[in-house]
Every structure is written in structure tokens, then in C-alpha cells.
């Protein structure tokens, strides 16, 4: 039975409310890949973010990347899914549970939606090819709060062509110099955080 990832409030013995988000772990032996795209309507620009953890919540890797100009929110989400799959393949993951908070992307992958632009159809076809290269894949829609880490990561890159990535085996990686203290998801980091 999956835990409900919707936001809840708990009252502590000191009185203040604390937001509580339950994590739904994937099957044993599977990696969980959470992804999303962030779309700015004013500038029509997008960025993507994803985070990968093992079934016991051990962090493997994460990335955030500025995508640039896109035509729609759906294209931003489709691009995020495509980049997340590329990321998983680069990390060498064979058993994967993918979760995101935009149901339209999953409906397109399952073939439930056929009326889309040619660019989005191309992304969907590329994603389907990438999915076939992964040994075992499960797709799961979650609400925005259940995908909070990816949502926060997608908002990090603000400059064009900027990418930030973190890995459990490598030190900080970036295409440009970054102020690590500005990362809202991971918080302040030190060199010792990466072992």
C-alpha cells in the first residue's frame, strides 16, 4: 500500500504546525527517478530537474538544467521526461520507477493522447525508445507535493545553458560557477558532504 504524499499538518508538543510529506518507496532493487519541468509563462522559458534515489532512499544523483525557449508547459514537461531518461541511462540504471506530477506526460507515454504537436510527438517517440533500453520501468503519477524535490531542483537554473548536477560518487559538477548556498533542496553543502 502506497503512502499518501499529500501535504499534512502535524502539531508538535510546542505548538507550531509542521508540513509532513510521506515518501512512497519503489520496489526493492529499483531506483526512483523523480522529474519535472518548470515553465515561465512570461518569458516562455523552461528548466528541468530530477533526482534519483535507491529504494531505501539513498541518494544517487540529481540535476537541474535550463532548457531555454519552449512553446508550452506540456513541452517543458515532455522535455523534462526526455532529459530524465537520458540522465538515468547515463547513470547506468536498469530497474527504474519514474514519477512525475504532470499526468499528461504519462498519458502520452501510454498512448492515451495522440493529438499533440510534431515536436512533442518526436519527444514522446524518443522517450519510448529510451524506455525500451531500460531493463524494467514503472511509471507513476504523483501530486506536486509528492514530487517536491524535483520541483525545487527545476527552479534552480536561472541562466541560459546552465546545468547543475550532484552525484553520490562525484563532487559538485557545474557548467558554470555556482553559489552552493543558494540550493533550496540540498541546502548548504560542503566538500565533505560528498565523501
N, C-alpha and C. Protein backbone atom coordinates (compact mmCIF):
# COMPACT_ATOMS: atom_id res chain seq x y z
N UNK A 1 0.84 -1.18 0.00
CA UNK A 1 0.00 0.00 0.00
C UNK A 1 0.88 1.24 0.00
N UNK A 2 0.63 2.12 -0.91
CA UNK A 2 1.43 3.34 -1.05
C UNK A 2 1.01 4.39 -0.03
N UNK A 3 2.01 5.10 0.46
CA UNK A 3 1.72 6.19 1.39
C UNK A 3 1.13 7.36 0.61
N UNK A 4 0.29 8.11 1.23
CA UNK A 4 -0.32 9.28 0.61
C UNK A 4 0.66 10.44 0.67
N UNK A 5 1.15 10.93 -0.51
CA UNK A 5 2.13 12.00 -0.48
C UNK A 5 1.53 13.40 -0.37
N UNK A 6 0.24 13.51 -0.09
CA UNK A 6 -0.38 14.82 0.01
C UNK A 6 0.09 15.53 1.29
N UNK A 7 0.10 16.85 1.28
CA UNK A 7 0.60 17.58 2.44
C UNK A 7 -0.32 17.42 3.65
N UNK A 8 0.27 17.27 4.80
CA UNK A 8 -0.49 17.16 6.04
C UNK A 8 0.16 18.06 7.07
N UNK A 9 -0.59 18.37 8.08
CA UNK A 9 -0.03 19.19 9.16
C UNK A 9 0.01 18.35 10.42
N UNK A 10 1.10 18.45 11.12
CA UNK A 10 1.25 17.80 12.42
C UNK A 10 1.45 18.88 13.46
N UNK A 11 0.87 18.68 14.62
CA UNK A 11 1.06 19.63 15.71
C UNK A 11 2.11 19.04 16.64
N UNK A 12 3.18 19.79 16.86
CA UNK A 12 4.22 19.32 17.76
C UNK A 12 3.81 19.67 19.19
N UNK A 13 4.55 19.13 20.15
CA UNK A 13 4.21 19.41 21.55
C UNK A 13 4.49 20.87 21.92
N UNK A 14 5.21 21.60 21.05
CA UNK A 14 5.48 23.01 21.31
C UNK A 14 4.47 23.91 20.60
N UNK A 15 3.57 23.31 19.82
CA UNK A 15 2.50 24.09 19.22
C UNK A 15 2.57 24.39 17.74
N UNK A 16 3.76 24.65 17.15
CA UNK A 16 3.75 25.04 15.74
C UNK A 16 3.40 23.87 14.82
N UNK A 17 2.83 24.19 13.68
CA UNK A 17 2.49 23.17 12.68
C UNK A 17 3.71 22.88 11.81
N UNK A 18 3.83 21.65 11.41
CA UNK A 18 4.93 21.21 10.55
C UNK A 18 4.33 20.48 9.37
N UNK A 19 4.75 20.82 8.16
CA UNK A 19 4.26 20.11 6.99
C UNK A 19 4.93 18.75 6.94
N UNK A 20 4.14 17.72 6.67
CA UNK A 20 4.63 16.35 6.64
C UNK A 20 4.37 15.78 5.26
N UNK A 21 5.39 15.24 4.62
CA UNK A 21 5.24 14.61 3.31
C UNK A 21 5.76 13.18 3.42
N UNK A 22 4.91 12.22 3.12
CA UNK A 22 5.31 10.82 3.18
C UNK A 22 5.99 10.44 1.88
N UNK A 23 7.05 9.67 1.96
CA UNK A 23 7.75 9.17 0.78
C UNK A 23 7.22 7.80 0.45
N UNK A 24 6.93 7.56 -0.82
CA UNK A 24 6.48 6.25 -1.27
C UNK A 24 7.67 5.57 -1.93
N UNK A 25 8.25 4.57 -1.27
CA UNK A 25 9.44 3.94 -1.84
C UNK A 25 9.09 3.06 -3.04
N UNK A 26 10.05 2.90 -3.97
CA UNK A 26 9.83 1.97 -5.08
C UNK A 26 10.05 0.53 -4.61
N UNK A 27 9.87 -0.42 -5.49
CA UNK A 27 10.12 -1.82 -5.16
C UNK A 27 11.59 -2.01 -4.80
N UNK A 28 11.87 -3.04 -3.99
CA UNK A 28 13.27 -3.34 -3.64
C UNK A 28 14.07 -3.57 -4.91
N UNK A 29 15.26 -3.00 -4.95
CA UNK A 29 16.13 -3.15 -6.09
C UNK A 29 15.90 -2.13 -7.20
N UNK A 30 14.86 -1.31 -7.08
CA UNK A 30 14.56 -0.29 -8.07
C UNK A 30 15.10 1.06 -7.62
N UNK A 31 15.48 1.88 -8.60
CA UNK A 31 15.80 3.27 -8.36
C UNK A 31 14.55 4.09 -8.61
N UNK A 32 14.37 5.14 -7.86
CA UNK A 32 13.24 6.05 -8.08
C UNK A 32 13.79 7.32 -8.71
N UNK A 33 13.21 7.68 -9.86
CA UNK A 33 13.59 8.88 -10.58
C UNK A 33 12.41 9.83 -10.56
N UNK A 34 12.56 10.94 -9.86
CA UNK A 34 11.51 11.97 -9.81
C UNK A 34 11.94 13.10 -10.73
N UNK A 35 11.02 13.55 -11.60
CA UNK A 35 11.37 14.59 -12.57
C UNK A 35 10.24 15.61 -12.68
N UNK A 36 10.57 16.77 -13.19
CA UNK A 36 9.56 17.76 -13.56
C UNK A 36 10.20 18.85 -14.42
N UNK A 37 9.35 19.60 -15.07
CA UNK A 37 9.77 20.77 -15.82
C UNK A 37 9.15 22.00 -15.19
N UNK A 38 9.86 23.10 -15.25
CA UNK A 38 9.35 24.37 -14.73
C UNK A 38 9.23 25.32 -15.91
N UNK A 39 8.06 25.91 -16.08
CA UNK A 39 7.78 26.76 -17.23
C UNK A 39 7.41 28.15 -16.78
N UNK A 40 8.08 29.15 -17.34
CA UNK A 40 7.76 30.55 -17.06
C UNK A 40 6.93 31.09 -18.22
N UNK A 41 5.66 31.37 -17.94
CA UNK A 41 4.76 31.83 -19.00
C UNK A 41 5.17 33.17 -19.58
N UNK A 42 5.69 34.08 -18.74
CA UNK A 42 6.05 35.41 -19.21
C UNK A 42 7.15 35.35 -20.28
N UNK A 43 8.18 34.58 -20.02
CA UNK A 43 9.33 34.53 -20.93
C UNK A 43 9.30 33.31 -21.85
N UNK A 44 8.35 32.40 -21.63
CA UNK A 44 8.26 31.15 -22.39
C UNK A 44 9.56 30.36 -22.34
N UNK A 45 10.17 30.36 -21.17
CA UNK A 45 11.40 29.58 -20.96
C UNK A 45 11.11 28.45 -19.98
N UNK A 46 11.95 27.44 -20.04
CA UNK A 46 11.75 26.28 -19.18
C UNK A 46 13.08 25.81 -18.60
N UNK A 47 12.97 25.10 -17.50
CA UNK A 47 14.11 24.40 -16.91
C UNK A 47 13.58 23.06 -16.41
N UNK A 48 14.47 22.13 -16.20
CA UNK A 48 14.08 20.79 -15.78
C UNK A 48 14.89 20.38 -14.55
N UNK A 49 14.36 19.45 -13.80
CA UNK A 49 15.06 18.93 -12.64
C UNK A 49 14.67 17.49 -12.39
N UNK A 50 15.62 16.71 -11.90
CA UNK A 50 15.28 15.35 -11.49
C UNK A 50 16.24 14.90 -10.40
N UNK A 51 15.78 13.93 -9.64
CA UNK A 51 16.57 13.37 -8.55
C UNK A 51 16.36 11.86 -8.57
N UNK A 52 17.45 11.13 -8.31
CA UNK A 52 17.38 9.68 -8.31
C UNK A 52 17.84 9.15 -6.96
N UNK A 53 17.02 8.25 -6.41
CA UNK A 53 17.33 7.61 -5.12
C UNK A 53 17.08 6.12 -5.24
N UNK A 54 17.80 5.34 -4.43
CA UNK A 54 17.58 3.90 -4.38
C UNK A 54 16.34 3.61 -3.55
N UNK A 55 15.87 2.37 -3.56
CA UNK A 55 14.62 2.05 -2.86
C UNK A 55 14.67 2.37 -1.37
N UNK A 56 15.86 2.38 -0.77
CA UNK A 56 15.99 2.69 0.65
C UNK A 56 16.27 4.17 0.89
N UNK A 57 16.03 5.01 -0.12
CA UNK A 57 16.15 6.47 -0.07
C UNK A 57 17.59 6.97 -0.16
N UNK A 58 18.56 6.10 -0.41
CA UNK A 58 19.93 6.54 -0.57
C UNK A 58 20.04 7.34 -1.86
N UNK A 59 20.61 8.53 -1.76
CA UNK A 59 20.76 9.44 -2.89
C UNK A 59 21.78 8.90 -3.88
N UNK A 60 21.42 8.91 -5.17
CA UNK A 60 22.36 8.53 -6.23
C UNK A 60 22.86 9.76 -6.97
N UNK A 61 21.94 10.56 -7.52
CA UNK A 61 22.34 11.72 -8.30
C UNK A 61 21.14 12.62 -8.53
N UNK A 62 21.42 13.86 -8.95
CA UNK A 62 20.37 14.82 -9.28
C UNK A 62 20.91 15.81 -10.29
N UNK A 63 20.02 16.45 -11.03
CA UNK A 63 20.46 17.52 -11.91
C UNK A 63 19.35 18.53 -12.11
N UNK A 64 19.77 19.73 -12.48
CA UNK A 64 18.87 20.82 -12.83
C UNK A 64 19.48 21.51 -14.03
N UNK A 65 18.64 21.83 -15.02
CA UNK A 65 19.18 22.40 -16.25
C UNK A 65 18.21 23.39 -16.86
N UNK A 66 18.73 24.50 -17.35
CA UNK A 66 17.95 25.47 -18.09
C UNK A 66 17.76 24.91 -19.50
N UNK A 67 16.52 24.89 -20.00
CA UNK A 67 16.23 24.35 -21.32
C UNK A 67 16.20 25.45 -22.37
N UNK A 68 15.68 26.60 -22.02
CA UNK A 68 15.56 27.70 -22.97
C UNK A 68 14.12 27.91 -23.38
N UNK A 69 13.92 28.48 -24.56
CA UNK A 69 12.58 28.79 -25.06
C UNK A 69 11.84 27.51 -25.44
N UNK A 70 10.62 27.38 -24.95
CA UNK A 70 9.72 26.29 -25.35
C UNK A 70 8.34 26.88 -25.59
N UNK A 71 7.53 26.15 -26.32
CA UNK A 71 6.24 26.71 -26.73
C UNK A 71 5.12 26.53 -25.72
N UNK A 72 5.28 25.59 -24.76
CA UNK A 72 4.16 25.33 -23.85
C UNK A 72 4.64 24.62 -22.59
N UNK A 73 3.76 24.61 -21.61
CA UNK A 73 4.01 23.89 -20.37
C UNK A 73 4.17 22.39 -20.66
N UNK A 74 3.33 21.86 -21.55
CA UNK A 74 3.40 20.43 -21.88
C UNK A 74 4.73 20.09 -22.53
N UNK A 75 5.24 20.96 -23.37
CA UNK A 75 6.55 20.71 -23.98
C UNK A 75 7.64 20.76 -22.91
N UNK A 76 7.53 21.66 -21.95
CA UNK A 76 8.50 21.70 -20.85
C UNK A 76 8.51 20.39 -20.08
N UNK A 77 7.32 19.86 -19.79
CA UNK A 77 7.23 18.60 -19.05
C UNK A 77 7.74 17.43 -19.89
N UNK A 78 7.43 17.42 -21.18
CA UNK A 78 7.91 16.35 -22.07
C UNK A 78 9.42 16.39 -22.19
N UNK A 79 9.97 17.58 -22.28
CA UNK A 79 11.43 17.74 -22.33
C UNK A 79 12.06 17.25 -21.03
N UNK A 80 11.42 17.56 -19.90
CA UNK A 80 11.92 17.10 -18.60
C UNK A 80 11.95 15.58 -18.55
N UNK A 81 10.91 14.93 -19.04
CA UNK A 81 10.86 13.46 -19.05
C UNK A 81 11.98 12.90 -19.93
N UNK A 82 12.17 13.50 -21.09
CA UNK A 82 13.22 13.05 -22.00
C UNK A 82 14.61 13.20 -21.37
N UNK A 83 14.87 14.36 -20.77
CA UNK A 83 16.18 14.59 -20.13
C UNK A 83 16.38 13.67 -18.93
N UNK A 84 15.30 13.38 -18.19
CA UNK A 84 15.40 12.47 -17.05
C UNK A 84 15.78 11.06 -17.51
N UNK A 85 15.21 10.62 -18.63
CA UNK A 85 15.55 9.29 -19.16
C UNK A 85 17.00 9.25 -19.62
N UNK A 86 17.46 10.32 -20.28
CA UNK A 86 18.87 10.40 -20.69
C UNK A 86 19.78 10.31 -19.47
N UNK A 87 19.38 11.02 -18.41
CA UNK A 87 20.12 11.04 -17.15
C UNK A 87 20.19 9.63 -16.55
N UNK A 88 19.07 8.91 -16.53
CA UNK A 88 19.03 7.55 -15.97
C UNK A 88 19.92 6.61 -16.78
N UNK A 89 19.89 6.74 -18.08
CA UNK A 89 20.74 5.90 -18.93
C UNK A 89 22.22 6.20 -18.67
N UNK A 90 22.56 7.48 -18.52
CA UNK A 90 23.94 7.87 -18.22
C UNK A 90 24.40 7.30 -16.89
N UNK A 91 23.49 7.23 -15.94
CA UNK A 91 23.83 6.71 -14.61
C UNK A 91 23.85 5.18 -14.58
N UNK A 92 23.44 4.52 -15.67
CA UNK A 92 23.50 3.07 -15.76
C UNK A 92 22.45 2.33 -14.95
N UNK A 93 21.27 2.90 -14.84
CA UNK A 93 20.21 2.29 -14.05
C UNK A 93 19.42 1.28 -14.90
N UNK A 94 19.19 0.09 -14.35
CA UNK A 94 18.45 -0.94 -15.08
C UNK A 94 17.02 -1.13 -14.60
N UNK A 95 16.76 -0.89 -13.32
CA UNK A 95 15.43 -1.06 -12.75
C UNK A 95 15.00 0.30 -12.21
N UNK A 96 13.92 0.83 -12.76
CA UNK A 96 13.60 2.23 -12.52
C UNK A 96 12.11 2.45 -12.33
N UNK A 97 11.77 3.21 -11.30
CA UNK A 97 10.40 3.71 -11.13
C UNK A 97 10.47 5.21 -11.36
N UNK A 98 9.71 5.68 -12.34
CA UNK A 98 9.74 7.09 -12.70
C UNK A 98 8.46 7.75 -12.22
N UNK A 99 8.61 8.85 -11.51
CA UNK A 99 7.43 9.57 -11.05
C UNK A 99 7.54 11.04 -11.41
N UNK A 100 6.38 11.58 -11.76
CA UNK A 100 6.29 12.99 -12.09
C UNK A 100 4.90 13.50 -11.76
N UNK A 101 4.73 14.81 -11.72
CA UNK A 101 3.45 15.35 -11.30
C UNK A 101 2.65 15.97 -12.45
N UNK A 102 3.00 15.64 -13.68
CA UNK A 102 2.22 16.12 -14.82
C UNK A 102 1.61 14.91 -15.52
N UNK A 103 0.34 14.59 -15.27
CA UNK A 103 -0.26 13.35 -15.79
C UNK A 103 -0.30 13.27 -17.31
N UNK A 104 -0.31 14.41 -17.98
CA UNK A 104 -0.38 14.42 -19.44
C UNK A 104 0.81 13.69 -20.06
N UNK A 105 2.00 13.83 -19.45
CA UNK A 105 3.19 13.16 -19.96
C UNK A 105 3.00 11.65 -19.94
N UNK A 106 2.51 11.13 -18.83
CA UNK A 106 2.31 9.68 -18.72
C UNK A 106 1.21 9.21 -19.67
N UNK A 107 0.16 10.00 -19.82
CA UNK A 107 -0.90 9.64 -20.76
C UNK A 107 -0.36 9.57 -22.18
N UNK A 108 0.56 10.46 -22.53
CA UNK A 108 1.18 10.40 -23.85
C UNK A 108 2.05 9.15 -23.99
N UNK A 109 2.80 8.80 -22.95
CA UNK A 109 3.64 7.60 -22.99
C UNK A 109 2.81 6.34 -23.15
N UNK A 110 1.66 6.29 -22.49
CA UNK A 110 0.78 5.13 -22.55
C UNK A 110 -0.04 5.10 -23.84
N UNK A 111 0.03 6.16 -24.65
CA UNK A 111 -0.71 6.20 -25.90
C UNK A 111 -2.14 6.69 -25.77
N UNK A 112 -2.51 7.23 -24.60
CA UNK A 112 -3.87 7.72 -24.38
C UNK A 112 -4.11 9.07 -25.05
N UNK A 113 -3.05 9.80 -25.38
CA UNK A 113 -3.16 11.11 -26.00
C UNK A 113 -2.42 11.05 -27.33
N UNK A 114 -3.10 11.37 -28.40
CA UNK A 114 -2.47 11.32 -29.72
C UNK A 114 -2.44 12.68 -30.40
N UNK A 115 -3.24 13.62 -29.95
CA UNK A 115 -3.31 14.94 -30.59
C UNK A 115 -2.33 15.90 -29.90
N UNK A 116 -1.12 15.91 -30.41
CA UNK A 116 -0.09 16.80 -29.89
C UNK A 116 0.69 17.38 -31.06
N UNK A 117 1.55 18.33 -30.78
CA UNK A 117 2.37 18.93 -31.84
C UNK A 117 3.42 17.92 -32.31
N UNK A 118 3.99 18.18 -33.46
CA UNK A 118 5.00 17.27 -34.01
C UNK A 118 6.25 17.25 -33.12
N UNK A 119 6.59 18.37 -32.50
CA UNK A 119 7.75 18.41 -31.61
C UNK A 119 7.52 17.50 -30.41
N UNK A 120 6.34 17.58 -29.82
CA UNK A 120 6.04 16.74 -28.65
C UNK A 120 5.95 15.27 -29.07
N UNK A 121 5.37 14.99 -30.22
CA UNK A 121 5.33 13.60 -30.71
C UNK A 121 6.74 13.05 -30.88
N UNK A 122 7.65 13.89 -31.38
CA UNK A 122 9.05 13.47 -31.52
C UNK A 122 9.68 13.16 -30.17
N UNK A 123 9.42 14.01 -29.17
CA UNK A 123 9.93 13.75 -27.82
C UNK A 123 9.35 12.46 -27.25
N UNK A 124 8.06 12.24 -27.46
CA UNK A 124 7.41 11.02 -26.96
C UNK A 124 8.03 9.79 -27.60
N UNK A 125 8.25 9.83 -28.91
CA UNK A 125 8.87 8.68 -29.59
C UNK A 125 10.28 8.43 -29.10
N UNK A 126 11.05 9.50 -28.87
CA UNK A 126 12.39 9.35 -28.33
C UNK A 126 12.34 8.73 -26.93
N UNK A 127 11.40 9.19 -26.11
CA UNK A 127 11.26 8.65 -24.75
C UNK A 127 10.88 7.17 -24.79
N UNK A 128 10.00 6.80 -25.68
CA UNK A 128 9.61 5.38 -25.80
C UNK A 128 10.81 4.52 -26.18
N UNK A 129 11.65 5.01 -27.08
CA UNK A 129 12.88 4.28 -27.45
C UNK A 129 13.81 4.17 -26.25
N UNK A 130 13.97 5.26 -25.51
CA UNK A 130 14.83 5.24 -24.31
C UNK A 130 14.28 4.28 -23.26
N UNK A 131 12.96 4.24 -23.09
CA UNK A 131 12.35 3.34 -22.11
C UNK A 131 12.63 1.88 -22.45
N UNK A 132 12.67 1.55 -23.73
CA UNK A 132 12.95 0.16 -24.14
C UNK A 132 14.36 -0.27 -23.79
N UNK A 133 15.27 0.69 -23.60
CA UNK A 133 16.66 0.37 -23.28
C UNK A 133 16.89 0.14 -21.79
N UNK A 134 15.88 0.39 -20.98
CA UNK A 134 15.97 0.17 -19.54
C UNK A 134 15.31 -1.16 -19.24
N UNK A 135 15.96 -1.96 -18.43
CA UNK A 135 15.51 -3.33 -18.19
C UNK A 135 14.07 -3.43 -17.68
N UNK A 136 13.73 -2.66 -16.68
CA UNK A 136 12.38 -2.69 -16.11
C UNK A 136 12.00 -1.28 -15.67
N UNK A 137 10.83 -0.81 -16.11
CA UNK A 137 10.40 0.56 -15.82
C UNK A 137 8.96 0.56 -15.33
N UNK A 138 8.71 1.36 -14.32
CA UNK A 138 7.35 1.62 -13.84
C UNK A 138 7.14 3.12 -13.88
N UNK A 139 6.01 3.57 -14.42
CA UNK A 139 5.68 5.00 -14.46
C UNK A 139 4.60 5.26 -13.43
N UNK A 140 4.72 6.37 -12.71
CA UNK A 140 3.74 6.68 -11.66
C UNK A 140 3.53 8.18 -11.56
N UNK A 141 2.28 8.57 -11.59
CA UNK A 141 1.91 9.97 -11.40
C UNK A 141 1.77 10.25 -9.91
N UNK A 142 2.35 11.36 -9.46
CA UNK A 142 2.21 11.80 -8.07
C UNK A 142 1.76 13.26 -8.10
N UNK A 143 1.24 13.73 -6.98
CA UNK A 143 0.86 15.15 -6.94
C UNK A 143 2.11 16.01 -6.75
N UNK A 144 1.93 17.30 -6.81
CA UNK A 144 3.06 18.24 -6.74
C UNK A 144 3.86 18.08 -5.45
N UNK A 145 3.21 17.83 -4.33
CA UNK A 145 3.91 17.70 -3.06
C UNK A 145 4.69 16.40 -2.98
N UNK A 146 4.21 15.37 -3.67
CA UNK A 146 4.93 14.11 -3.72
C UNK A 146 6.17 14.19 -4.59
N UNK A 147 6.28 15.25 -5.36
CA UNK A 147 7.40 15.43 -6.28
C UNK A 147 8.18 16.71 -5.93
N UNK A 148 8.16 17.07 -4.67
CA UNK A 148 8.71 18.34 -4.22
C UNK A 148 10.20 18.51 -4.54
N UNK A 149 10.98 17.47 -4.35
CA UNK A 149 12.43 17.59 -4.59
C UNK A 149 12.71 17.96 -6.04
N UNK A 150 12.07 17.29 -6.97
CA UNK A 150 12.28 17.59 -8.40
C UNK A 150 11.75 18.99 -8.73
N UNK A 151 10.63 19.37 -8.15
CA UNK A 151 10.07 20.70 -8.40
C UNK A 151 11.02 21.79 -7.94
N UNK A 152 11.65 21.61 -6.79
CA UNK A 152 12.61 22.60 -6.30
C UNK A 152 13.86 22.62 -7.17
N UNK A 153 14.32 21.45 -7.59
CA UNK A 153 15.50 21.40 -8.45
C UNK A 153 15.26 22.09 -9.78
N UNK A 154 14.07 21.93 -10.35
CA UNK A 154 13.77 22.52 -11.66
C UNK A 154 13.79 24.04 -11.61
N UNK A 155 13.65 24.61 -10.45
CA UNK A 155 13.64 26.08 -10.33
C UNK A 155 15.02 26.67 -10.08
N UNK A 156 16.02 25.84 -9.90
CA UNK A 156 17.37 26.33 -9.60
C UNK A 156 18.01 27.06 -10.77
N UNK A 157 18.11 26.45 -11.96
CA UNK A 157 18.88 27.13 -13.01
C UNK A 157 18.16 28.35 -13.56
N UNK A 158 18.80 29.47 -13.52
CA UNK A 158 18.18 30.71 -13.98
C UNK A 158 18.87 31.28 -15.20
N UNK A 159 20.11 30.88 -15.46
CA UNK A 159 20.86 31.42 -16.58
C UNK A 159 20.83 30.45 -17.76
N UNK A 160 20.78 30.98 -18.98
CA UNK A 160 20.81 30.11 -20.16
C UNK A 160 22.03 29.19 -20.17
N UNK A 161 21.81 27.97 -20.62
CA UNK A 161 22.84 26.95 -20.78
C UNK A 161 23.49 26.53 -19.47
N UNK A 162 22.89 26.85 -18.36
CA UNK A 162 23.47 26.47 -17.07
C UNK A 162 22.92 25.11 -16.68
N UNK A 163 23.78 24.26 -16.17
CA UNK A 163 23.38 22.96 -15.65
C UNK A 163 24.09 22.73 -14.33
N UNK A 164 23.37 22.17 -13.39
CA UNK A 164 23.95 21.81 -12.10
C UNK A 164 23.65 20.35 -11.87
N UNK A 165 24.62 19.62 -11.39
CA UNK A 165 24.37 18.23 -11.08
C UNK A 165 25.10 17.85 -9.81
N UNK A 166 24.54 16.89 -9.14
CA UNK A 166 25.10 16.37 -7.90
C UNK A 166 25.14 14.87 -8.03
N UNK A 167 26.14 14.26 -7.46
CA UNK A 167 26.25 12.82 -7.54
C UNK A 167 26.77 12.29 -6.21
N UNK A 168 26.30 11.13 -5.84
CA UNK A 168 26.75 10.50 -4.61
C UNK A 168 28.19 10.03 -4.71
N UNK A 169 28.72 9.91 -5.95
CA UNK A 169 30.09 9.42 -6.12
C UNK A 169 31.07 10.51 -6.55
N UNK A 170 30.56 11.63 -7.08
CA UNK A 170 31.42 12.71 -7.56
C UNK A 170 31.21 13.96 -6.74
N UNK A 171 32.19 14.85 -6.82
CA UNK A 171 31.99 16.15 -6.19
C UNK A 171 31.09 16.98 -7.07
N UNK A 172 30.77 18.16 -6.61
CA UNK A 172 29.90 19.11 -7.29
C UNK A 172 30.30 19.27 -8.76
N UNK A 173 29.33 19.24 -9.66
CA UNK A 173 29.57 19.45 -11.08
C UNK A 173 28.73 20.62 -11.55
N UNK A 174 29.28 21.45 -12.39
CA UNK A 174 28.52 22.57 -12.92
C UNK A 174 29.17 23.07 -14.19
N UNK A 175 28.32 23.51 -15.13
CA UNK A 175 28.87 24.09 -16.35
C UNK A 175 29.32 25.52 -16.09
N UNK A 176 28.90 26.11 -14.99
CA UNK A 176 29.31 27.45 -14.59
C UNK A 176 29.52 27.46 -13.09
N UNK A 177 30.25 28.42 -12.60
CA UNK A 177 30.43 28.54 -11.16
C UNK A 177 29.10 28.86 -10.49
N UNK A 178 28.83 28.25 -9.34
CA UNK A 178 27.54 28.42 -8.68
C UNK A 178 27.76 28.65 -7.19
N UNK A 179 26.85 29.37 -6.61
CA UNK A 179 26.86 29.56 -5.17
C UNK A 179 26.05 28.43 -4.55
N UNK A 180 26.73 27.46 -3.93
CA UNK A 180 26.06 26.29 -3.39
C UNK A 180 25.08 26.62 -2.27
N UNK A 181 25.26 27.72 -1.62
CA UNK A 181 24.36 28.07 -0.51
C UNK A 181 22.97 28.44 -1.01
N UNK A 182 22.81 28.63 -2.32
CA UNK A 182 21.51 29.02 -2.86
C UNK A 182 20.63 27.84 -3.21
N UNK A 183 21.09 26.63 -3.03
CA UNK A 183 20.32 25.47 -3.43
C UNK A 183 19.25 25.15 -2.40
N UNK A 184 17.96 25.39 -2.71
CA UNK A 184 16.90 25.23 -1.73
C UNK A 184 16.63 23.79 -1.36
N UNK A 185 16.91 22.84 -2.25
CA UNK A 185 16.63 21.44 -1.93
C UNK A 185 17.72 20.84 -1.08
N UNK A 186 18.96 20.99 -1.51
CA UNK A 186 20.06 20.32 -0.83
C UNK A 186 20.60 21.12 0.34
N UNK A 187 20.29 22.42 0.38
CA UNK A 187 20.77 23.26 1.47
C UNK A 187 22.25 23.52 1.33
N UNK A 188 22.85 24.16 2.32
CA UNK A 188 24.28 24.45 2.24
C UNK A 188 25.06 23.16 2.14
N UNK A 189 26.04 23.13 1.24
CA UNK A 189 26.84 21.93 1.04
C UNK A 189 28.29 22.25 1.33
N UNK A 190 28.99 21.24 1.76
CA UNK A 190 30.42 21.38 1.96
C UNK A 190 31.10 20.29 1.16
N UNK A 191 32.40 20.41 0.96
CA UNK A 191 33.13 19.39 0.21
C UNK A 191 33.01 18.03 0.90
N UNK A 192 32.91 18.03 2.23
CA UNK A 192 32.82 16.76 2.96
C UNK A 192 31.46 16.09 2.78
N UNK A 193 30.47 16.80 2.24
CA UNK A 193 29.15 16.21 2.03
C UNK A 193 29.18 15.10 1.01
N UNK A 194 30.22 15.08 0.16
CA UNK A 194 30.24 14.13 -0.94
C UNK A 194 31.21 12.99 -0.72
N UNK A 195 31.93 13.02 0.36
CA UNK A 195 32.82 11.92 0.70
C UNK A 195 33.97 11.71 -0.21
